[in-house]
């Protein structure tokens, strides 16, 4: 039976529980059982900020939508205005960032209020950001995404697919670019003034 557009949509396809299974559980359980120090260096001030994280706190997103909005902003900025005018981000890179951005969107889950309860969502965002900006963990996360969401990443044999094989997709993806976008997005989403610019840009569609 042919799948409907709704079934293809990430928000409809992934339930609240399944999203936690695919991303949050994998990230948090891995980090909590890891004996080695994390790849990303964390200073004392960062640890202090993240002891009791909350939206609006120094070093944390200004609100629950900020990280998602900031990722969208930077994808547009870098894709539309690349340093090299002859080359923007590849489709593999932009689709992967799109997938990650949906994970950062509270409205992408079946029960947003449950997600925001007890600071769970901000802790999830912190771990998601750390995971994506760690090269080794990012590669693992990309492998999970490829096997779970090939249709969203445009991998397959349908007319809508751009990559026929996983190898083609991996060859075209730029993990360094993904890490850079996520780092920039996090930096912006933690600053009220920067987020005013981001929201204005997205609302007015200045791209």
C-alpha atoms as a PDB file:
ATOM      1  CA  UNK A   1       0.000   0.000   0.000  1.00  0.00           C
ATOM      2  CA  UNK A   2       1.338   3.419  -0.930  1.00  0.00           C
ATOM      3  CA  UNK A   3       2.272   5.558   2.048  1.00  0.00           C
ATOM      4  CA  UNK A   4       0.476   8.837   2.543  1.00  0.00           C
ATOM      5  CA  UNK A   5       2.291  12.150   2.889  1.00  0.00           C
ATOM      6  CA  UNK A   6       1.412  12.088   6.581  1.00  0.00           C
ATOM      7  CA  UNK A   7       3.168   8.771   7.028  1.00  0.00           C
ATOM      8  CA  UNK A   8       6.232  10.176   5.322  1.00  0.00           C
ATOM      9  CA  UNK A   9       6.284  13.228   7.560  1.00  0.00           C
ATOM     10  CA  UNK A  10       8.732  12.962  10.443  1.00  0.00           C
ATOM     11  CA  UNK A  11       6.325  14.450  12.957  1.00  0.00           C
ATOM     12  CA  UNK A  12       3.628  11.910  12.142  1.00  0.00           C
ATOM     13  CA  UNK A  13       5.986   8.972  11.780  1.00  0.00           C
ATOM     14  CA  UNK A  14       7.816   9.346  15.066  1.00  0.00           C
ATOM     15  CA  UNK A  15       5.802   9.083  18.260  1.00  0.00           C
ATOM     16  CA  UNK A  16       6.907  10.649  21.524  1.00  0.00           C
ATOM     17  CA  UNK A  17       8.096   7.315  22.906  1.00  0.00           C
ATOM     18  CA  UNK A  18       9.865   6.270  19.686  1.00  0.00           C
ATOM     19  CA  UNK A  19      11.718   9.569  19.499  1.00  0.00           C
ATOM     20  CA  UNK A  20      13.059   9.085  22.994  1.00  0.00           C
ATOM     21  CA  UNK A  21      14.082   5.544  22.144  1.00  0.00           C
ATOM     22  CA  UNK A  22      15.958   6.592  19.001  1.00  0.00           C
ATOM     23  CA  UNK A  23      17.651   9.708  20.315  1.00  0.00           C
ATOM     24  CA  UNK A  24      17.350  10.538  24.008  1.00  0.00           C
ATOM     25  CA  UNK A  25      17.867   7.037  25.387  1.00  0.00           C
ATOM     26  CA  UNK A  26      20.748   6.359  23.032  1.00  0.00           C
ATOM     27  CA  UNK A  27      22.466   9.622  23.910  1.00  0.00           C
ATOM     28  CA  UNK A  28      21.819   9.833  27.634  1.00  0.00           C
ATOM     29  CA  UNK A  29      22.441   6.167  28.441  1.00  0.00           C
ATOM     30  CA  UNK A  30      25.673   6.182  26.444  1.00  0.00           C
ATOM     31  CA  UNK A  31      27.011   9.278  28.135  1.00  0.00           C
ATOM     32  CA  UNK A  32      25.982   8.165  31.617  1.00  0.00           C
ATOM     33  CA  UNK A  33      27.837   4.841  31.310  1.00  0.00           C
ATOM     34  CA  UNK A  34      30.934   6.183  29.606  1.00  0.00           C
ATOM     35  CA  UNK A  35      34.104   5.874  31.693  1.00  0.00           C
ATOM     36  CA  UNK A  36      36.272   8.049  29.474  1.00  0.00           C
ATOM     37  CA  UNK A  37      36.002  11.849  29.613  1.00  0.00           C
ATOM     38  CA  UNK A  38      33.787  13.373  26.909  1.00  0.00           C
ATOM     39  CA  UNK A  39      35.421  14.465  23.686  1.00  0.00           C
ATOM     40  CA  UNK A  40      34.076  17.979  24.068  1.00  0.00           C
ATOM     41  CA  UNK A  41      35.922  19.938  26.720  1.00  0.00           C
ATOM     42  CA  UNK A  42      33.524  21.371  29.289  1.00  0.00           C
ATOM     43  CA  UNK A  43      34.722  24.144  31.578  1.00  0.00           C
ATOM     44  CA  UNK A  44      33.607  24.795  35.150  1.00  0.00           C
ATOM     45  CA  UNK A  45      31.196  27.538  34.107  1.00  0.00           C
ATOM     46  CA  UNK A  46      29.481  25.209  31.642  1.00  0.00           C
ATOM     47  CA  UNK A  47      29.101  22.556  34.328  1.00  0.00           C
ATOM     48  CA  UNK A  48      27.660  25.135  36.694  1.00  0.00           C
ATOM     49  CA  UNK A  49      25.148  26.279  34.068  1.00  0.00           C
ATOM     50  CA  UNK A  50      24.061  22.726  33.319  1.00  0.00           C
ATOM     51  CA  UNK A  51      23.718  21.531  36.935  1.00  0.00           C
ATOM     52  CA  UNK A  52      20.173  22.907  37.011  1.00  0.00           C
ATOM     53  CA  UNK A  53      19.449  23.881  33.421  1.00  0.00           C
ATOM     54  CA  UNK A  54      16.391  25.921  32.558  1.00  0.00           C
ATOM     55  CA  UNK A  55      15.320  27.968  29.581  1.00  0.00           C
ATOM     56  CA  UNK A  56      16.551  31.534  29.822  1.00  0.00           C
ATOM     57  CA  UNK A  57      19.465  30.696  32.092  1.00  0.00           C
ATOM     58  CA  UNK A  58      22.941  31.814  31.050  1.00  0.00           C
ATOM     59  CA  UNK A  59      24.374  29.229  28.661  1.00  0.00           C
ATOM     60  CA  UNK A  60      20.945  27.666  27.961  1.00  0.00           C
ATOM     61  CA  UNK A  61      18.459  28.323  25.137  1.00  0.00           C
ATOM     62  CA  UNK A  62      16.275  31.357  25.805  1.00  0.00           C
ATOM     63  CA  UNK A  63      13.119  29.246  25.361  1.00  0.00           C
ATOM     64  CA  UNK A  64      11.999  25.818  24.186  1.00  0.00           C
ATOM     65  CA  UNK A  65      11.807  26.875  20.512  1.00  0.00           C
ATOM     66  CA  UNK A  66      15.102  28.757  20.280  1.00  0.00           C
ATOM     67  CA  UNK A  67      17.456  25.911  19.331  1.00  0.00           C
ATOM     68  CA  UNK A  68      15.146  24.702  16.571  1.00  0.00           C
ATOM     69  CA  UNK A  69      14.669  28.226  15.197  1.00  0.00           C
ATOM     70  CA  UNK A  70      18.395  28.932  15.343  1.00  0.00           C
ATOM     71  CA  UNK A  71      19.257  25.758  13.420  1.00  0.00           C
ATOM     72  CA  UNK A  72      16.765  26.761  10.708  1.00  0.00           C
ATOM     73  CA  UNK A  73      18.288  30.234  10.568  1.00  0.00           C
ATOM     74  CA  UNK A  74      21.854  29.000  10.127  1.00  0.00           C
ATOM     75  CA  UNK A  75      20.923  26.356   7.566  1.00  0.00           C
ATOM     76  CA  UNK A  76      19.321  29.087   5.460  1.00  0.00           C
ATOM     77  CA  UNK A  77      22.209  31.512   5.961  1.00  0.00           C
ATOM     78  CA  UNK A  78      24.953  29.042   5.071  1.00  0.00           C
ATOM     79  CA  UNK A  79      23.018  27.297   2.311  1.00  0.00           C
ATOM     80  CA  UNK A  80      21.916  30.520   0.625  1.00  0.00           C
ATOM     81  CA  UNK A  81      25.090  32.523   1.260  1.00  0.00           C
ATOM     82  CA  UNK A  82      28.048  30.091   1.187  1.00  0.00           C
ATOM     83  CA  UNK A  83      31.632  31.308   1.590  1.00  0.00           C
ATOM     84  CA  UNK A  84      32.257  29.742  -1.803  1.00  0.00           C
ATOM     85  CA  UNK A  85      29.577  31.224  -4.125  1.00  0.00           C
ATOM     86  CA  UNK A  86      29.850  28.198  -6.365  1.00  0.00           C
ATOM     87  CA  UNK A  87      28.927  25.681  -3.709  1.00  0.00           C
ATOM     88  CA  UNK A  88      26.298  25.611  -0.993  1.00  0.00           C
ATOM     89  CA  UNK A  89      25.602  22.782   1.410  1.00  0.00           C
ATOM     90  CA  UNK A  90      24.939  19.400  -0.153  1.00  0.00           C
ATOM     91  CA  UNK A  91      21.493  17.854  -0.003  1.00  0.00           C
ATOM     92  CA  UNK A  92      22.821  15.135   2.311  1.00  0.00           C
ATOM     93  CA  UNK A  93      24.041  17.803   4.743  1.00  0.00           C
ATOM     94  CA  UNK A  94      20.869  19.891   4.640  1.00  0.00           C
ATOM     95  CA  UNK A  95      18.542  16.875   5.009  1.00  0.00           C
ATOM     96  CA  UNK A  96      20.541  15.620   7.995  1.00  0.00           C
ATOM     97  CA  UNK A  97      20.356  19.047   9.608  1.00  0.00           C
ATOM     98  CA  UNK A  98      16.630  19.096   8.886  1.00  0.00           C
ATOM     99  CA  UNK A  99      16.250  15.770  10.675  1.00  0.00           C
ATOM    100  CA  UNK A 100      18.188  17.062  13.681  1.00  0.00           C
ATOM    101  CA  UNK A 101      16.211  20.307  13.715  1.00  0.00           C
ATOM    102  CA  UNK A 102      12.953  18.354  14.028  1.00  0.00           C
ATOM    103  CA  UNK A 103      14.383  16.642  17.101  1.00  0.00           C
ATOM    104  CA  UNK A 104      14.919  20.084  18.608  1.00  0.00           C
ATOM    105  CA  UNK A 105      11.353  21.213  17.900  1.00  0.00           C
ATOM    106  CA  UNK A 106       9.001  20.585  20.853  1.00  0.00           C
ATOM    107  CA  UNK A 107       6.008  20.767  18.514  1.00  0.00           C
ATOM    108  CA  UNK A 108       7.419  17.785  16.630  1.00  0.00           C
ATOM    109  CA  UNK A 109       6.360  15.467  19.449  1.00  0.00           C
ATOM    110  CA  UNK A 110       2.955  14.043  20.238  1.00  0.00           C
ATOM    111  CA  UNK A 111       2.865  15.503  23.754  1.00  0.00           C
ATOM    112  CA  UNK A 112       4.863  18.763  23.981  1.00  0.00           C
ATOM    113  CA  UNK A 113       3.665  19.530  27.505  1.00  0.00           C
ATOM    114  CA  UNK A 114       4.895  16.178  28.759  1.00  0.00           C
ATOM    115  CA  UNK A 115       8.185  16.828  27.007  1.00  0.00           C
ATOM    116  CA  UNK A 116       8.654  20.180  28.787  1.00  0.00           C
ATOM    117  CA  UNK A 117       7.781  18.828  32.217  1.00  0.00           C
ATOM    118  CA  UNK A 118      10.508  18.530  34.870  1.00  0.00           C
ATOM    119  CA  UNK A 119      13.167  20.141  32.667  1.00  0.00           C
ATOM    120  CA  UNK A 120      13.393  16.996  30.564  1.00  0.00           C
ATOM    121  CA  UNK A 121      13.381  18.775  27.209  1.00  0.00           C
ATOM    122  CA  UNK A 122      16.192  21.196  27.986  1.00  0.00           C
ATOM    123  CA  UNK A 123      18.330  18.331  29.297  1.00  0.00           C
ATOM    124  CA  UNK A 124      17.519  16.473  26.095  1.00  0.00           C
ATOM    125  CA  UNK A 125      18.566  19.481  23.974  1.00  0.00           C
ATOM    126  CA  UNK A 126      21.858  19.808  25.861  1.00  0.00           C
ATOM    127  CA  UNK A 127      22.681  16.146  25.249  1.00  0.00           C
ATOM    128  CA  UNK A 128      21.540  16.352  21.626  1.00  0.00           C
ATOM    129  CA  UNK A 129      23.817  19.338  21.019  1.00  0.00           C
ATOM    130  CA  UNK A 130      26.766  17.626  22.709  1.00  0.00           C
ATOM    131  CA  UNK A 131      26.175  14.470  20.710  1.00  0.00           C
ATOM    132  CA  UNK A 132      26.022  16.224  17.343  1.00  0.00           C
ATOM    133  CA  UNK A 133      29.132  18.329  18.013  1.00  0.00           C
ATOM    134  CA  UNK A 134      31.217  15.290  18.958  1.00  0.00           C
ATOM    135  CA  UNK A 135      32.617  13.832  15.725  1.00  0.00           C
ATOM    136  CA  UNK A 136      32.535  10.167  16.716  1.00  0.00           C
ATOM    137  CA  UNK A 137      29.078  10.376  18.237  1.00  0.00           C
ATOM    138  CA  UNK A 138      27.801  12.348  15.256  1.00  0.00           C
ATOM    139  CA  UNK A 139      28.929   9.614  12.871  1.00  0.00           C
ATOM    140  CA  UNK A 140      27.050   7.070  15.000  1.00  0.00           C
ATOM    141  CA  UNK A 141      23.949   9.265  15.022  1.00  0.00           C
ATOM    142  CA  UNK A 142      24.091   9.647  11.238  1.00  0.00           C
ATOM    143  CA  UNK A 143      24.239   5.854  10.858  1.00  0.00           C
ATOM    144  CA  UNK A 144      21.134   5.530  13.075  1.00  0.00           C
ATOM    145  CA  UNK A 145      19.360   8.212  11.057  1.00  0.00           C
ATOM    146  CA  UNK A 146      20.205   6.557   7.732  1.00  0.00           C
ATOM    147  CA  UNK A 147      18.803   3.199   8.809  1.00  0.00           C
ATOM    148  CA  UNK A 148      15.711   4.726  10.452  1.00  0.00           C
ATOM    149  CA  UNK A 149      14.754   7.607   8.145  1.00  0.00           C
ATOM    150  CA  UNK A 150      16.095   6.871   4.625  1.00  0.00           C
ATOM    151  CA  UNK A 151      13.040   8.471   3.004  1.00  0.00           C
ATOM    152  CA  UNK A 152      13.611  11.762   4.823  1.00  0.00           C
ATOM    153  CA  UNK A 153      17.285  11.734   3.863  1.00  0.00           C
ATOM    154  CA  UNK A 154      16.235  10.982   0.249  1.00  0.00           C
ATOM    155  CA  UNK A 155      17.952   7.601   0.080  1.00  0.00           C
ATOM    156  CA  UNK A 156      16.244   4.926  -2.009  1.00  0.00           C
ATOM    157  CA  UNK A 157      14.810   4.083  -5.406  1.00  0.00           C
ATOM    158  CA  UNK A 158      11.715   6.288  -5.567  1.00  0.00           C
ATOM    159  CA  UNK A 159      11.374   9.308  -7.845  1.00  0.00           C
ATOM    160  CA  UNK A 160      11.746  11.626  -4.844  1.00  0.00           C
ATOM    161  CA  UNK A 161      15.040  10.062  -3.743  1.00  0.00           C
ATOM    162  CA  UNK A 162      18.288  11.770  -4.643  1.00  0.00           C
ATOM    163  CA  UNK A 163      20.726   9.111  -3.383  1.00  0.00           C
ATOM    164  CA  UNK A 164      20.351   5.546  -4.632  1.00  0.00           C
ATOM    165  CA  UNK A 165      22.736   4.055  -2.067  1.00  0.00           C
ATOM    166  CA  UNK A 166      23.910   4.775   1.464  1.00  0.00           C
ATOM    167  CA  UNK A 167      27.447   5.088   0.120  1.00  0.00           C
ATOM    168  CA  UNK A 168      26.391   7.926  -2.213  1.00  0.00           C
ATOM    169  CA  UNK A 169      24.741   9.720   0.691  1.00  0.00           C
ATOM    170  CA  UNK A 170      27.748   9.362   3.016  1.00  0.00           C
ATOM    171  CA  UNK A 171      30.109  10.538   0.282  1.00  0.00           C
ATOM    172  CA  UNK A 172      28.092  13.738  -0.114  1.00  0.00           C
ATOM    173  CA  UNK A 173      27.584  14.586   3.578  1.00  0.00           C
ATOM    174  CA  UNK A 174      29.829  17.117   5.327  1.00  0.00           C
ATOM    175  CA  UNK A 175      29.990  16.317   9.044  1.00  0.00           C
ATOM    176  CA  UNK A 176      32.245  19.289   9.800  1.00  0.00           C
ATOM    177  CA  UNK A 177      29.638  21.601   8.309  1.00  0.00           C
ATOM    178  CA  UNK A 178      26.931  19.968  10.429  1.00  0.00           C
ATOM    179  CA  UNK A 179      28.986  20.451  13.594  1.00  0.00           C
ATOM    180  CA  UNK A 180      29.645  24.084  12.699  1.00  0.00           C
ATOM    181  CA  UNK A 181      25.960  24.830  12.101  1.00  0.00           C
ATOM    182  CA  UNK A 182      24.932  23.222  15.385  1.00  0.00           C
ATOM    183  CA  UNK A 183      27.610  25.121  17.319  1.00  0.00           C
ATOM    184  CA  UNK A 184      26.526  28.419  15.761  1.00  0.00           C
ATOM    185  CA  UNK A 185      22.877  27.592  16.385  1.00  0.00           C
ATOM    186  CA  UNK A 186      23.540  26.876  20.053  1.00  0.00           C
ATOM    187  CA  UNK A 187      25.554  30.062  20.486  1.00  0.00           C
ATOM    188  CA  UNK A 188      22.703  32.121  19.057  1.00  0.00           C
ATOM    189  CA  UNK A 189      19.859  30.316  20.810  1.00  0.00           C
ATOM    190  CA  UNK A 190      21.363  31.147  24.198  1.00  0.00           C
ATOM    191  CA  UNK A 191      21.317  34.927  23.577  1.00  0.00           C
ATOM    192  CA  UNK A 192      18.143  37.021  23.720  1.00  0.00           C
ATOM    193  CA  UNK A 193      19.440  39.695  21.340  1.00  0.00           C
ATOM    194  CA  UNK A 194      20.621  37.162  18.764  1.00  0.00           C
ATOM    195  CA  UNK A 195      17.286  35.374  18.892  1.00  0.00           C
ATOM    196  CA  UNK A 196      15.432  38.614  18.182  1.00  0.00           C
ATOM    197  CA  UNK A 197      17.363  38.790  14.908  1.00  0.00           C
ATOM    198  CA  UNK A 198      16.724  35.116  14.178  1.00  0.00           C
ATOM    199  CA  UNK A 199      12.976  35.380  14.733  1.00  0.00           C
ATOM    200  CA  UNK A 200      12.732  38.559  12.674  1.00  0.00           C
ATOM    201  CA  UNK A 201      14.649  36.912   9.856  1.00  0.00           C
ATOM    202  CA  UNK A 202      12.458  33.815   9.863  1.00  0.00           C
ATOM    203  CA  UNK A 203       9.198  35.768  10.103  1.00  0.00           C
ATOM    204  CA  UNK A 204      10.058  38.226   7.367  1.00  0.00           C
ATOM    205  CA  UNK A 205      11.595  35.569   5.157  1.00  0.00           C
ATOM    206  CA  UNK A 206      14.666  37.585   4.301  1.00  0.00           C
ATOM    207  CA  UNK A 207      16.364  34.933   2.239  1.00  0.00           C
END
